């Protein structure tokens, strides 16, 4: 039996490295630790890009570029969904269908393409079902 995959949205990874995020930092670190242990984490090229920018420019105490690069290198061990032209077109369709932002739709499209059964995100509705996938806000557990 295949191990269920968990797609991780950028915000969860940002909180895992943002020490100023207090409770969210602790929750995110624990969830990411579990994903490393179970080898079930999935991300996309979009997540890698957004994570680098957030860690080096957007969080209250930005991380040095070299350290951020190392964090991304480590995450590249996970399954990484490459957003291609079909991903973009699928996201456009999801955006129209679900009335979400394009970027959230692209996250959803990537998660669906990966075959993930769970999407960890704080930006989408906790408990919402999209096909075979459930949205989980780890900060509401």
Protein backbone atom coordinates (compact mmCIF):
# COMPACT_ATOMS: atom_id res chain seq x y z
CA UNK A 1 0.00 0.00 0.00
CA UNK A 2 1.33 3.43 -0.96
CA UNK A 3 2.10 5.92 1.79
CA UNK A 4 -0.21 8.96 1.61
CA UNK A 5 1.57 12.07 0.35
CA UNK A 6 1.21 15.44 2.05
CA UNK A 7 1.70 18.56 -0.07
CA UNK A 8 2.99 21.53 1.94
CA UNK A 9 2.07 25.11 1.06
CA UNK A 10 4.71 27.80 1.41
CA UNK A 11 3.25 29.41 4.54
CA UNK A 12 3.76 26.28 6.63
CA UNK A 13 7.42 26.07 5.61
CA UNK A 14 7.93 29.79 6.25
CA UNK A 15 6.56 29.45 9.79
CA UNK A 16 8.86 26.47 10.39
CA UNK A 17 11.84 28.80 9.89
CA UNK A 18 10.42 32.08 11.22
CA UNK A 19 11.32 32.13 14.90
CA UNK A 20 9.17 35.23 15.44
CA UNK A 21 6.02 33.24 14.56
CA UNK A 22 5.84 31.84 18.12
CA UNK A 23 3.13 29.12 18.34
CA UNK A 24 2.90 28.75 14.55
CA UNK A 25 6.67 28.25 14.45
CA UNK A 26 6.44 25.37 16.94
CA UNK A 27 3.48 23.74 15.19
CA UNK A 28 5.04 24.07 11.74
CA UNK A 29 8.40 22.69 12.90
CA UNK A 30 6.69 19.64 14.41
CA UNK A 31 4.63 18.98 11.27
CA UNK A 32 7.70 19.32 9.03
CA UNK A 33 9.68 17.03 11.36
CA UNK A 34 6.99 14.36 10.96
CA UNK A 35 7.11 14.71 7.18
CA UNK A 36 10.89 14.19 7.21
CA UNK A 37 10.46 11.08 9.38
CA UNK A 38 7.71 9.56 7.22
CA UNK A 39 9.18 10.76 3.92
CA UNK A 40 5.72 11.89 2.82
CA UNK A 41 6.31 15.59 2.10
CA UNK A 42 5.68 17.03 -1.36
CA UNK A 43 6.29 20.58 -2.60
CA UNK A 44 6.39 22.37 -5.95
CA UNK A 45 8.73 24.70 -7.74
CA UNK A 46 6.34 27.52 -6.80
CA UNK A 47 6.74 26.64 -3.11
CA UNK A 48 10.54 26.66 -3.42
CA UNK A 49 10.49 30.06 -5.12
CA UNK A 50 8.06 31.63 -2.66
CA UNK A 51 9.93 30.14 0.31
CA UNK A 52 13.26 31.62 -0.76
CA UNK A 53 11.78 35.10 -1.20
CA UNK A 54 9.86 34.91 2.07
CA UNK A 55 12.81 33.69 4.13
CA UNK A 56 15.26 36.22 2.74
CA UNK A 57 13.02 39.26 2.35
CA UNK A 58 9.60 39.03 3.99
CA UNK A 59 9.87 37.57 7.48
CA UNK A 60 10.65 39.93 10.40
CA UNK A 61 14.14 38.47 10.89
CA UNK A 62 15.26 37.49 7.36
CA UNK A 63 17.57 34.52 6.92
CA UNK A 64 20.92 34.93 5.19
CA UNK A 65 20.74 33.90 1.52
CA UNK A 66 23.24 31.07 1.86
CA UNK A 67 21.31 29.52 4.75
CA UNK A 68 18.03 29.89 2.85
CA UNK A 69 19.63 28.19 -0.15
CA UNK A 70 20.68 25.28 2.09
CA UNK A 71 17.12 24.96 3.40
CA UNK A 72 15.86 24.75 -0.20
CA UNK A 73 18.57 22.25 -1.14
CA UNK A 74 17.43 20.03 1.73
CA UNK A 75 13.78 20.29 0.65
CA UNK A 76 14.73 19.23 -2.87
CA UNK A 77 15.08 15.71 -1.45
CA UNK A 78 11.28 15.68 -1.21
CA UNK A 79 9.13 15.05 -4.25
CA UNK A 80 9.06 18.34 -6.17
CA UNK A 81 6.25 19.00 -8.63
CA UNK A 82 7.48 21.06 -11.57
CA UNK A 83 4.94 23.62 -12.67
CA UNK A 84 4.75 23.33 -16.44
CA UNK A 85 2.36 24.77 -19.00
CA UNK A 86 -0.30 22.16 -18.14
CA UNK A 87 -0.06 23.11 -14.46
CA UNK A 88 -0.64 26.75 -15.32
CA UNK A 89 -3.63 25.96 -17.55
CA UNK A 90 -5.07 23.64 -14.90
CA UNK A 91 -4.68 26.37 -12.29
CA UNK A 92 -6.57 28.79 -14.52
CA UNK A 93 -9.43 26.29 -14.71
CA UNK A 94 -9.38 25.73 -10.93
CA UNK A 95 -9.35 29.48 -10.34
CA UNK A 96 -12.52 29.88 -12.40
CA UNK A 97 -14.20 26.86 -10.79
CA UNK A 98 -13.30 27.54 -7.15
CA UNK A 99 -12.97 31.35 -7.22
CA UNK A 100 -9.54 31.33 -5.61
CA UNK A 101 -6.47 33.43 -6.32
CA UNK A 102 -4.36 32.19 -9.21
CA UNK A 103 -1.46 31.39 -6.85
CA UNK A 104 -3.64 29.32 -4.50
CA UNK A 105 -5.09 27.57 -7.55
CA UNK A 106 -1.57 26.73 -8.75
CA UNK A 107 -0.75 25.24 -5.33
CA UNK A 108 -3.93 23.15 -5.53
CA UNK A 109 -3.17 22.06 -9.08
CA UNK A 110 0.35 20.98 -8.09
CA UNK A 111 -0.94 19.12 -5.04
CA UNK A 112 -3.52 17.31 -7.15
CA UNK A 113 -0.93 16.43 -9.80
CA UNK A 114 1.30 14.91 -7.12
CA UNK A 115 -1.43 12.57 -5.94
CA UNK A 116 -1.31 14.02 -2.42
CA UNK A 117 -4.17 13.07 -0.14
CA UNK A 118 -3.60 16.07 2.13
CA UNK A 119 -2.62 19.70 1.52
CA UNK A 120 -1.24 21.59 4.52
CA UNK A 121 -2.12 25.26 4.11
CA UNK A 122 -3.32 28.14 6.19
CA UNK A 123 -4.64 29.96 3.09
CA UNK A 124 -7.45 27.56 2.16
CA UNK A 125 -10.53 26.28 4.00
CA UNK A 126 -9.64 23.74 6.68
CA UNK A 127 -11.41 20.44 6.02
CA UNK A 128 -12.34 21.28 2.43
CA UNK A 129 -12.27 18.34 0.02
CA UNK A 130 -10.87 18.84 -3.48
CA UNK A 131 -11.27 15.54 -5.29
CA UNK A 132 -9.42 12.92 -3.20
CA UNK A 133 -7.47 15.58 -1.28
CA UNK A 134 -8.29 17.19 2.07
CA UNK A 135 -7.13 20.68 3.02
CA UNK A 136 -5.67 20.76 6.54
CA UNK A 137 -4.72 23.92 8.37
CA UNK A 138 -2.13 22.55 10.83
CA UNK A 139 -2.60 25.62 13.03
CA UNK A 140 -6.26 24.71 13.66
CA UNK A 141 -5.58 21.12 14.76
